[in-house]
C-alpha atoms as a PDB file:
ATOM      1  CA  MET A   1      21.565 -32.403 -49.789  1.00  0.00           C
ATOM      2  CA  THR A   2      18.877 -33.790 -47.504  1.00  0.00           C
ATOM      3  CA  ARG A   3      15.471 -32.292 -48.197  1.00  0.00           C
ATOM      4  CA  ARG A   4      13.296 -31.397 -45.196  1.00  0.00           C
ATOM      5  CA  ARG A   5      10.081 -33.321 -45.082  1.00  0.00           C
ATOM      6  CA  ALA A   6       6.801 -31.447 -45.004  1.00  0.00           C
ATOM      7  CA  PRO A   7       5.171 -31.619 -41.560  1.00  0.00           C
ATOM      8  CA  HIS A   8       2.700 -34.395 -41.084  1.00  0.00           C
ATOM      9  CA  ALA A   9      -0.932 -33.247 -41.119  1.00  0.00           C
ATOM     10  CA  ALA A  10      -1.384 -34.250 -37.476  1.00  0.00           C
ATOM     11  CA  SER A  11       1.747 -32.330 -36.507  1.00  0.00           C
ATOM     12  CA  ALA A  12       0.575 -29.232 -38.352  1.00  0.00           C
ATOM     13  CA  GLU A  13      -2.774 -29.436 -36.591  1.00  0.00           C
ATOM     14  CA  LEU A  14      -1.021 -29.754 -33.225  1.00  0.00           C
ATOM     15  CA  LEU A  15       1.150 -26.708 -33.959  1.00  0.00           C
ATOM     16  CA  ASP A  16      -1.940 -24.739 -34.971  1.00  0.00           C
ATOM     17  CA  THR A  17      -3.709 -25.723 -31.724  1.00  0.00           C
ATOM     18  CA  LEU A  18      -0.696 -24.763 -29.620  1.00  0.00           C
ATOM     19  CA  GLY A  19      -0.509 -21.426 -31.390  1.00  0.00           C
ATOM     20  CA  ARG A  20      -4.155 -20.667 -30.661  1.00  0.00           C
ATOM     21  CA  LEU A  21      -3.814 -21.702 -27.007  1.00  0.00           C
ATOM     22  CA  THR A  22      -0.719 -19.527 -26.612  1.00  0.00           C
ATOM     23  CA  ALA A  23      -2.574 -16.542 -28.066  1.00  0.00           C
ATOM     24  CA  GLN A  24      -5.521 -17.151 -25.735  1.00  0.00           C
ATOM     25  CA  ALA A  25      -3.209 -17.444 -22.737  1.00  0.00           C
ATOM     26  CA  ARG A  26      -1.504 -14.179 -23.712  1.00  0.00           C
ATOM     27  CA  GLU A  27      -4.875 -12.451 -24.030  1.00  0.00           C
ATOM     28  CA  GLY A  28      -5.937 -13.856 -20.650  1.00  0.00           C
ATOM     29  CA  ALA A  29      -2.743 -12.637 -19.004  1.00  0.00           C
ATOM     30  CA  GLU A  30      -3.160  -9.195 -20.535  1.00  0.00           C
ATOM     31  CA  LEU A  31      -6.779  -9.038 -19.341  1.00  0.00           C
ATOM     32  CA  HIS A  32      -5.766 -10.068 -15.810  1.00  0.00           C
ATOM     33  CA  HIS A  33      -2.985  -7.468 -15.799  1.00  0.00           C
ATOM     34  CA  ALA A  34      -5.460  -4.806 -16.924  1.00  0.00           C
ATOM     35  CA  ARG A  35      -7.881  -5.763 -14.118  1.00  0.00           C
ATOM     36  CA  VAL A  36      -5.076  -5.562 -11.545  1.00  0.00           C
ATOM     37  CA  GLU A  37      -4.026  -2.124 -12.816  1.00  0.00           C
ATOM     38  CA  LEU A  38      -7.641  -0.924 -12.691  1.00  0.00           C
ATOM     39  CA  ALA A  39      -8.037  -2.220  -9.121  1.00  0.00           C
ATOM     40  CA  GLU A  40      -4.811  -0.452  -8.120  1.00  0.00           C
ATOM     41  CA  VAL A  41      -6.049   2.847  -9.588  1.00  0.00           C
ATOM     42  CA  LEU A  42      -9.421   2.497  -7.863  1.00  0.00           C
ATOM     43  CA  GLN A  43      -7.726   1.662  -4.561  1.00  0.00           C
ATOM     44  CA  ARG A  44      -5.327   4.605  -4.773  1.00  0.00           C
ATOM     45  CA  GLU A  45      -8.001   7.118  -5.777  1.00  0.00           C
ATOM     46  CA  MET A  46     -10.531   6.007  -3.150  1.00  0.00           C
ATOM     47  CA  LEU A  47      -8.216   6.223  -0.156  1.00  0.00           C
ATOM     48  CA  PRO A  48      -8.170   9.679   1.440  1.00  0.00           C
ATOM     49  CA  ALA A  49      -5.366  12.048   0.464  1.00  0.00           C
ATOM     50  CA  GLU A  50      -5.076  13.178   4.107  1.00  0.00           C
ATOM     51  CA  LEU A  51      -6.603  12.489   7.496  1.00  0.00           C
ATOM     52  CA  PRO A  52      -8.145  15.060   9.851  1.00  0.00           C
ATOM     53  CA  ARG A  53      -6.285  16.306  12.925  1.00  0.00           C
ATOM     54  CA  LEU A  54      -7.103  18.431  15.920  1.00  0.00           C
ATOM     55  CA  PRO A  55      -4.965  20.013  18.640  1.00  0.00           C
ATOM     56  CA  GLY A  56      -3.855  17.095  20.776  1.00  0.00           C
ATOM     57  CA  LEU A  57      -4.910  14.489  18.189  1.00  0.00           C
ATOM     58  CA  ARG A  58      -2.557  13.346  15.412  1.00  0.00           C
ATOM     59  CA  THR A  59      -3.178  10.708  12.753  1.00  0.00           C
ATOM     60  CA  ALA A  60      -1.357   8.653  10.137  1.00  0.00           C
ATOM     61  CA  ALA A  61      -2.059   5.632   7.939  1.00  0.00           C
ATOM     62  CA  ARG A  62      -0.347   3.065   5.746  1.00  0.00           C
ATOM     63  CA  TYR A  63      -1.555   0.705   3.031  1.00  0.00           C
ATOM     64  CA  ALA A  64       0.329  -2.213   1.444  1.00  0.00           C
ATOM     65  CA  PRO A  65      -0.788  -4.648  -1.272  1.00  0.00           C
ATOM     66  CA  ALA A  66      -0.423  -8.381  -0.757  1.00  0.00           C
ATOM     67  CA  ARG A  67       3.038  -9.899  -0.987  1.00  0.00           C
ATOM     68  CA  ASP A  68       2.439 -11.164  -4.536  1.00  0.00           C
ATOM     69  CA  GLY A  69       1.272  -7.718  -5.634  1.00  0.00           C
ATOM     70  CA  LEU A  70      -1.997  -9.006  -7.084  1.00  0.00           C
ATOM     71  CA  ASP A  71      -4.470  -9.080  -4.199  1.00  0.00           C
ATOM     72  CA  ILE A  72      -5.543  -5.455  -4.020  1.00  0.00           C
ATOM     73  CA  GLY A  73      -8.749  -3.528  -3.670  1.00  0.00           C
ATOM     74  CA  GLY A  74     -10.379  -4.798  -0.469  1.00  0.00           C
ATOM     75  CA  ASP A  75      -8.867  -2.862   2.444  1.00  0.00           C
ATOM     76  CA  TRP A  76      -9.434   0.781   3.290  1.00  0.00           C
ATOM     77  CA  TYR A  77      -8.963   3.421   5.963  1.00  0.00           C
ATOM     78  CA  ASP A  78     -10.736   6.762   6.266  1.00  0.00           C
ATOM     79  CA  GLY A  79     -11.068   9.824   8.472  1.00  0.00           C
ATOM     80  CA  PHE A  80     -13.485  12.736   8.182  1.00  0.00           C
ATOM     81  CA  ARG A  81     -14.975  15.652  10.085  1.00  0.00           C
ATOM     82  CA  LEU A  82     -18.554  15.549  11.327  1.00  0.00           C
ATOM     83  CA  PRO A  83     -21.028  18.477  11.323  1.00  0.00           C
ATOM     84  CA  GLU A  84     -20.806  19.214  15.066  1.00  0.00           C
ATOM     85  CA  GLY A  85     -16.996  19.259  15.157  1.00  0.00           C
ATOM     86  CA  ALA A  86     -16.354  15.621  16.043  1.00  0.00           C
ATOM     87  CA  LEU A  87     -14.111  13.360  13.972  1.00  0.00           C
ATOM     88  CA  ALA A  88     -14.855   9.893  12.628  1.00  0.00           C
ATOM     89  CA  PHE A  89     -12.380   7.219  11.570  1.00  0.00           C
ATOM     90  CA  SER A  90     -13.038   3.910   9.862  1.00  0.00           C
ATOM     91  CA  ILE A  91     -11.028   0.959   8.677  1.00  0.00           C
ATOM     92  CA  GLY A  92     -12.242  -2.156   6.945  1.00  0.00           C
ATOM     93  CA  ASP A  93     -11.805  -5.072   4.613  1.00  0.00           C
ATOM     94  CA  VAL A  94     -14.072  -6.020   1.716  1.00  0.00           C
ATOM     95  CA  GLN A  95     -14.473  -9.645   0.681  1.00  0.00           C
ATOM     96  CA  GLY A  96     -12.454 -10.299  -2.459  1.00  0.00           C
ATOM     97  CA  HIS A  97      -9.525  -8.572  -4.138  1.00  0.00           C
ATOM     98  CA  ASP A  98     -10.474  -7.312  -7.553  1.00  0.00           C
ATOM     99  CA  VAL A  99     -12.183  -4.438  -9.349  1.00  0.00           C
ATOM    100  CA  GLU A 100     -15.558  -5.300  -7.814  1.00  0.00           C
ATOM    101  CA  ALA A 101     -14.069  -5.316  -4.310  1.00  0.00           C
ATOM    102  CA  ALA A 102     -12.431  -1.934  -4.900  1.00  0.00           C
ATOM    103  CA  ALA A 103     -15.722  -0.479  -6.143  1.00  0.00           C
ATOM    104  CA  PHE A 104     -17.668  -1.926  -3.202  1.00  0.00           C
ATOM    105  CA  MET A 105     -15.055  -0.521  -0.828  1.00  0.00           C
ATOM    106  CA  GLY A 106     -15.788   2.930  -2.211  1.00  0.00           C
ATOM    107  CA  GLN A 107     -19.522   2.399  -1.698  1.00  0.00           C
ATOM    108  CA  VAL A 108     -18.990   1.350   1.930  1.00  0.00           C
ATOM    109  CA  ARG A 109     -16.827   4.403   2.642  1.00  0.00           C
ATOM    110  CA  ILE A 110     -19.345   6.793   1.112  1.00  0.00           C
ATOM    111  CA  CYS A 111     -22.199   5.105   2.958  1.00  0.00           C
ATOM    112  CA  LEU A 112     -20.417   5.409   6.315  1.00  0.00           C
ATOM    113  CA  ARG A 113     -19.659   9.078   5.686  1.00  0.00           C
ATOM    114  CA  ALA A 114     -23.242   9.852   4.672  1.00  0.00           C
ATOM    115  CA  VAL A 115     -24.863   8.091   7.625  1.00  0.00           C
ATOM    116  CA  SER A 116     -22.321   9.499  10.104  1.00  0.00           C
ATOM    117  CA  ALA A 117     -23.307  13.018   9.038  1.00  0.00           C
ATOM    118  CA  ILE A 118     -26.834  12.515  10.393  1.00  0.00           C
ATOM    119  CA  VAL A 119     -26.391   9.855  13.110  1.00  0.00           C
ATOM    120  CA  ASP A 120     -24.060  10.277  16.111  1.00  0.00           C
ATOM    121  CA  ASP A 121     -24.034   6.769  17.566  1.00  0.00           C
ATOM    122  CA  PRO A 122     -21.413   4.579  15.779  1.00  0.00           C
ATOM    123  CA  GLY A 123     -23.438   1.418  16.373  1.00  0.00           C
ATOM    124  CA  GLU A 124     -26.474   2.964  14.727  1.00  0.00           C
ATOM    125  CA  VAL A 125     -24.292   4.182  11.870  1.00  0.00           C
ATOM    126  CA  LEU A 126     -23.124   0.626  11.194  1.00  0.00           C
ATOM    127  CA  SER A 127     -26.661  -0.743  11.476  1.00  0.00           C
ATOM    128  CA  ARG A 128     -28.072   1.747   8.962  1.00  0.00           C
ATOM    129  CA  ALA A 129     -25.096   1.357   6.642  1.00  0.00           C
ATOM    130  CA  ASN A 130     -25.598  -2.398   6.749  1.00  0.00           C
ATOM    131  CA  ASP A 131     -29.205  -2.054   5.617  1.00  0.00           C
ATOM    132  CA  VAL A 132     -28.259   0.389   2.840  1.00  0.00           C
ATOM    133  CA  LEU A 133     -25.594  -1.967   1.510  1.00  0.00           C
ATOM    134  CA  LEU A 134     -28.013  -4.896   1.589  1.00  0.00           C
ATOM    135  CA  SER A 135     -30.529  -2.881  -0.427  1.00  0.00           C
ATOM    136  CA  MET A 136     -27.934  -2.612  -3.194  1.00  0.00           C
ATOM    137  CA  ASP A 137     -28.047  -6.400  -3.753  1.00  0.00           C
ATOM    138  CA  SER A 138     -24.277  -6.747  -3.777  1.00  0.00           C
ATOM    139  CA  ARG A 139     -22.782 -10.199  -3.459  1.00  0.00           C
ATOM    140  CA  LEU A 140     -19.981  -8.841  -1.274  1.00  0.00           C
ATOM    141  CA  PHE A 141     -19.671  -8.042   2.422  1.00  0.00           C
ATOM    142  CA  ALA A 142     -17.222  -6.019   4.489  1.00  0.00           C
ATOM    143  CA  THR A 143     -15.771  -6.033   7.979  1.00  0.00           C
ATOM    144  CA  CYS A 144     -15.368  -2.615   9.545  1.00  0.00           C
ATOM    145  CA  SER A 145     -14.471  -0.661  12.672  1.00  0.00           C
ATOM    146  CA  LEU A 146     -15.863   2.835  13.211  1.00  0.00           C
ATOM    147  CA  LEU A 147     -14.522   5.279  15.804  1.00  0.00           C
ATOM    148  CA  ARG A 148     -16.014   8.665  16.748  1.00  0.00           C
ATOM    149  CA  PHE A 149     -13.941  11.235  18.682  1.00  0.00           C
ATOM    150  CA  ASP A 150     -15.589  14.133  20.509  1.00  0.00           C
ATOM    151  CA  PRO A 151     -13.115  17.013  21.099  1.00  0.00           C
ATOM    152  CA  GLU A 152     -15.380  18.580  23.716  1.00  0.00           C
ATOM    153  CA  THR A 153     -15.516  15.588  26.041  1.00  0.00           C
ATOM    154  CA  TRP A 154     -12.309  13.877  24.778  1.00  0.00           C
ATOM    155  CA  GLU A 155     -14.352  10.687  24.548  1.00  0.00           C
ATOM    156  CA  ILE A 156     -14.147   8.014  21.891  1.00  0.00           C
ATOM    157  CA  GLU A 157     -17.010   5.740  20.859  1.00  0.00           C
ATOM    158  CA  THR A 158     -16.258   2.619  18.850  1.00  0.00           C
ATOM    159  CA  ALA A 159     -18.332  -0.018  17.075  1.00  0.00           C
ATOM    160  CA  ARG A 160     -17.133  -3.059  15.196  1.00  0.00           C
ATOM    161  CA  ALA A 161     -18.687  -5.126  12.385  1.00  0.00           C
ATOM    162  CA  GLY A 162     -16.814  -8.419  12.254  1.00  0.00           C
ATOM    163  CA  HIS A 163     -13.451  -6.659  12.195  1.00  0.00           C
ATOM    164  CA  VAL A 164     -10.266  -7.359  14.141  1.00  0.00           C
ATOM    165  CA  PRO A 165     -10.140  -5.398  17.421  1.00  0.00           C
ATOM    166  CA  ALA A 166      -8.152  -2.219  17.924  1.00  0.00           C
ATOM    167  CA  VAL A 167      -4.863  -2.078  19.821  1.00  0.00           C
ATOM    168  CA  TRP A 168      -4.076   0.675  22.327  1.00  0.00           C
ATOM    169  CA  ALA A 169      -1.193   1.857  24.468  1.00  0.00           C
ATOM    170  CA  THR A 170      -0.530   4.720  26.870  1.00  0.00           C
ATOM    171  CA  VAL A 171       2.700   6.579  27.575  1.00  0.00           C
ATOM    172  CA  ASP A 172       2.913   5.081  31.077  1.00  0.00           C
ATOM    173  CA  GLY A 173       3.658   1.646  29.527  1.00  0.00           C
ATOM    174  CA  ARG A 174       0.238   0.049  29.525  1.00  0.00           C
ATOM    175  CA  CYS A 175      -1.105  -1.592  26.356  1.00  0.00           C
ATOM    176  CA  GLY A 176      -3.812  -3.984  25.300  1.00  0.00           C
ATOM    177  CA  ILE A 177      -6.227  -5.303  22.712  1.00  0.00           C
ATOM    178  CA  ALA A 178      -9.671  -3.713  22.857  1.00  0.00           C
ATOM    179  CA  ASP A 179     -12.297  -6.087  24.241  1.00  0.00           C
ATOM    180  CA  ASP A 180     -15.296  -4.258  22.795  1.00  0.00           C
ATOM    181  CA  ASP A 181     -18.201  -6.273  21.446  1.00  0.00           C
ATOM    182  CA  GLY A 182     -18.498  -6.795  17.709  1.00  0.00           C
ATOM    183  CA  GLY A 183     -21.365  -7.566  15.366  1.00  0.00           C
ATOM    184  CA  LEU A 184     -21.668  -9.275  12.003  1.00  0.00           C
ATOM    185  CA  PRO A 185     -19.869  -7.940   8.916  1.00  0.00           C
ATOM    186  CA  LEU A 186     -21.764  -5.367   6.876  1.00  0.00           C
ATOM    187  CA  GLY A 187     -23.889  -6.748   4.073  1.00  0.00           C
ATOM    188  CA  LEU A 188     -24.846 -10.112   5.579  1.00  0.00           C
ATOM    189  CA  LEU A 189     -27.996  -9.843   7.699  1.00  0.00           C
ATOM    190  CA  PRO A 190     -30.808  -7.236   7.651  1.00  0.00           C
ATOM    191  CA  GLY A 191     -31.418  -5.454  10.944  1.00  0.00           C
ATOM    192  CA  ALA A 192     -28.057  -6.418  12.478  1.00  0.00           C
ATOM    193  CA  GLY A 193     -27.172  -4.557  15.662  1.00  0.00           C
ATOM    194  CA  TYR A 194     -23.794  -3.249  16.808  1.00  0.00           C
ATOM    195  CA  GLY A 195     -22.754  -2.456  20.358  1.00  0.00           C
ATOM    196  CA  VAL A 196     -20.813   0.680  21.233  1.00  0.00           C
ATOM    197  CA  THR A 197     -17.850   0.993  23.610  1.00  0.00           C
ATOM    198  CA  ARG A 198     -17.216   4.420  25.172  1.00  0.00           C
ATOM    199  CA  ARG A 199     -14.000   5.538  26.789  1.00  0.00           C
ATOM    200  CA  ARG A 200     -12.551   8.902  27.847  1.00  0.00           C
ATOM    201  CA  LEU A 201      -8.913   9.425  26.927  1.00  0.00           C
ATOM    202  CA  THR A 202      -7.539  10.271  30.346  1.00  0.00           C
ATOM    203  CA  GLU A 203      -3.957   9.220  29.493  1.00  0.00           C
ATOM    204  CA  ALA A 204      -1.833  10.226  26.507  1.00  0.00           C
ATOM    205  CA  GLY A 205      -1.274   7.362  24.104  1.00  0.00           C
ATOM    206  CA  ALA A 206      -2.275   5.844  20.788  1.00  0.00           C
ATOM    207  CA  ILE A 207      -5.088   3.800  19.291  1.00  0.00           C
ATOM    208  CA  VAL A 208      -4.157   1.639  16.314  1.00  0.00           C
ATOM    209  CA  LEU A 209      -6.659   0.101  13.910  1.00  0.00           C
ATOM    210  CA  VAL A 210      -5.504  -2.588  11.475  1.00  0.00           C
ATOM    211  CA  THR A 211      -6.919  -4.987   8.916  1.00  0.00           C
ATOM    212  CA  ASP A 212      -6.334  -8.715   9.191  1.00  0.00           C
ATOM    213  CA  GLY A 213      -3.632  -8.582   6.522  1.00  0.00           C
ATOM    214  CA  VAL A 214      -1.392  -6.980   9.159  1.00  0.00           C
ATOM    215  CA  VAL A 215      -1.858  -9.612  11.847  1.00  0.00           C
ATOM    216  CA  GLU A 216      -2.625 -12.866  10.031  1.00  0.00           C
ATOM    217  CA  GLY A 217      -0.712 -15.060   7.591  1.00  0.00           C
ATOM    218  CA  PRO A 218      -0.684 -18.730   6.512  1.00  0.00           C
ATOM    219  CA  PRO A 219       1.520 -19.907   9.418  1.00  0.00           C
ATOM    220  CA  PHE A 220       0.678 -16.990  11.686  1.00  0.00           C
ATOM    221  CA  PRO A 221      -2.460 -16.955  13.926  1.00  0.00           C
ATOM    222  CA  ILE A 222      -4.315 -13.680  14.288  1.00  0.00           C
ATOM    223  CA  ASP A 223      -4.034 -13.641  18.102  1.00  0.00           C
ATOM    224  CA  GLU A 224      -0.255 -13.751  17.922  1.00  0.00           C
ATOM    225  CA  GLY A 225      -0.307 -10.995  15.296  1.00  0.00           C
ATOM    226  CA  LEU A 226      -2.391  -8.765  17.544  1.00  0.00           C
ATOM    227  CA  ARG A 227      -0.062  -9.374  20.487  1.00  0.00           C
ATOM    228  CA  ARG A 228       2.891  -8.459  18.299  1.00  0.00           C
ATOM    229  CA  VAL A 229       1.184  -5.229  17.204  1.00  0.00           C
ATOM    230  CA  ALA A 230       0.422  -4.430  20.851  1.00  0.00           C
ATOM    231  CA  ARG A 231       4.123  -4.713  21.721  1.00  0.00           C
ATOM    232  CA  VAL A 232       5.083  -2.490  18.785  1.00  0.00           C
ATOM    233  CA  VAL A 233       2.510   0.127  19.802  1.00  0.00           C
ATOM    234  CA  ARG A 234       3.624   0.001  23.444  1.00  0.00           C
ATOM    235  CA  ASP A 235       7.265   0.517  22.486  1.00  0.00           C
ATOM    236  CA  GLY A 236       6.522   3.242  19.933  1.00  0.00           C
ATOM    237  CA  VAL A 237       3.639   5.073  21.563  1.00  0.00           C
ATOM    238  CA  ALA A 238       5.694   8.249  22.002  1.00  0.00           C
ATOM    239  CA  ALA A 239       6.807   8.318  18.357  1.00  0.00           C
ATOM    240  CA  GLU A 240       5.199  10.405  15.641  1.00  0.00           C
ATOM    241  CA  PRO A 241       2.127   8.699  14.117  1.00  0.00           C
ATOM    242  CA  ASP A 242       3.857   8.262  10.734  1.00  0.00           C
ATOM    243  CA  GLU A 243       6.731   6.421  12.378  1.00  0.00           C
ATOM    244  CA  LEU A 244       4.424   4.246  14.463  1.00  0.00           C
ATOM    245  CA  ALA A 245       2.279   3.361  11.440  1.00  0.00           C
ATOM    246  CA  ALA A 246       5.399   2.291   9.544  1.00  0.00           C
ATOM    247  CA  GLU A 247       6.553   0.093  12.450  1.00  0.00           C
ATOM    248  CA  VAL A 248       3.136  -1.552  12.760  1.00  0.00           C
ATOM    249  CA  MET A 249       3.103  -2.289   9.030  1.00  0.00           C
ATOM    250  CA  LYS A 250       6.365  -4.194   9.476  1.00  0.00           C
ATOM    251  CA  VAL A 251       4.361  -6.799  11.413  1.00  0.00           C
ATOM    252  CA  ALA A 252       2.579  -7.613   8.151  1.00  0.00           C
ATOM    253  CA  ASP A 253       5.953  -8.397   6.561  1.00  0.00           C
ATOM    254  CA  SER A 254       6.687 -10.924   9.310  1.00  0.00           C
ATOM    255  CA  THR A 255       3.359 -12.776   9.000  1.00  0.00           C
ATOM    256  CA  GLY A 256       3.822 -13.752   5.336  1.00  0.00           C
ATOM    257  CA  HIS A 257       0.428 -12.175   4.647  1.00  0.00           C
ATOM    258  CA  LEU A 258      -1.415 -13.082   1.450  1.00  0.00           C
ATOM    259  CA  ASP A 259      -3.954 -10.287   1.944  1.00  0.00           C
ATOM    260  CA  ASP A 260      -3.523  -6.561   1.492  1.00  0.00           C
ATOM    261  CA  ALA A 261      -3.005  -4.603   4.705  1.00  0.00           C
ATOM    262  CA  ALA A 262      -3.960  -1.240   6.196  1.00  0.00           C
ATOM    263  CA  VAL A 263      -2.939   0.561   9.388  1.00  0.00           C
ATOM    264  CA  LEU A 264      -4.569   3.638  10.959  1.00  0.00           C
ATOM    265  CA  VAL A 265      -2.860   5.339  13.922  1.00  0.00           C
ATOM    266  CA  ILE A 266      -4.581   7.868  16.190  1.00  0.00           C
ATOM    267  CA  SER A 267      -2.141   9.419  18.678  1.00  0.00           C
ATOM    268  CA  HIS A 268      -3.684  11.542  21.414  1.00  0.00           C
ATOM    269  CA  ASP A 269      -2.840  13.688  24.398  1.00  0.00           C
ATOM    270  CA  ALA A 270      -4.612  13.242  27.717  1.00  0.00           C
ATOM    271  CA  ALA A 271      -7.998  14.814  28.318  1.00  0.00           C
ATOM    272  CA  ALA A 272      -8.104  17.826  30.573  1.00  0.00           C
ATOM    273  CA  ALA A 273      -9.042  17.054  34.147  1.00  0.00           C
ATOM    274  CA  GLU A 274     -12.769  17.261  34.766  1.00  0.00           C
ATOM    275  CA  PRO A 275     -13.837  20.013  37.157  1.00  0.00           C
ATOM    276  CA  ALA A 276     -14.316  18.849  40.738  1.00  0.00           C
END
């Protein structure tokens, strides 16, 4: 019978080292998995359970994690009622995709809600929110679009902080990409200003807000993504908001996006004719 030789000292040391490295790798993987799960919980709990509606104004939203299922926590959408009866909607994207990004996203949402309750002008809301976020000494920043809808005048006011523009379409077949001015992302520069675009909704249609995860991917330029969304919105403008949001989110699947993605649809009737 051949007797097995005892392992050489160097071999035993190598096996011991490999064992320790394997254990460390397992612990690292478990820690990363725990951070991803925590980010997913934060993301899910911080997004609104429902969006506000009014007669003649219907809303819907969608959120999707990145294609690899790990980049989560940066994108959000929101909708809330304001003290005087108006509605506000926001969508945005926080730098990074981890627990810190998810937490900062919640801070941005709360800040926008709080400032919007006391300030009407969306540009001023973004400016004040920017200064509040800077005072918190966070290392992160966020892009954002904020829309205010007045049910008395049927007018929308929009302001944009480094975010991708909105897409719109009307039931008569027109569509486009909003050409409103934008400012810097929130959390970068003290005293930043944000222009406001005002428009009365004289034709029935839809306004669609997206994050860049919907319209941009490694081989896919953002301009082409926006044009594709515009075509989808034009073709589906008469559909229910839930259906339109789902169709817009399909654009993200075609871009090979590495980022998470959010879609916010605001479908509206036409404003009543103004008295002569």
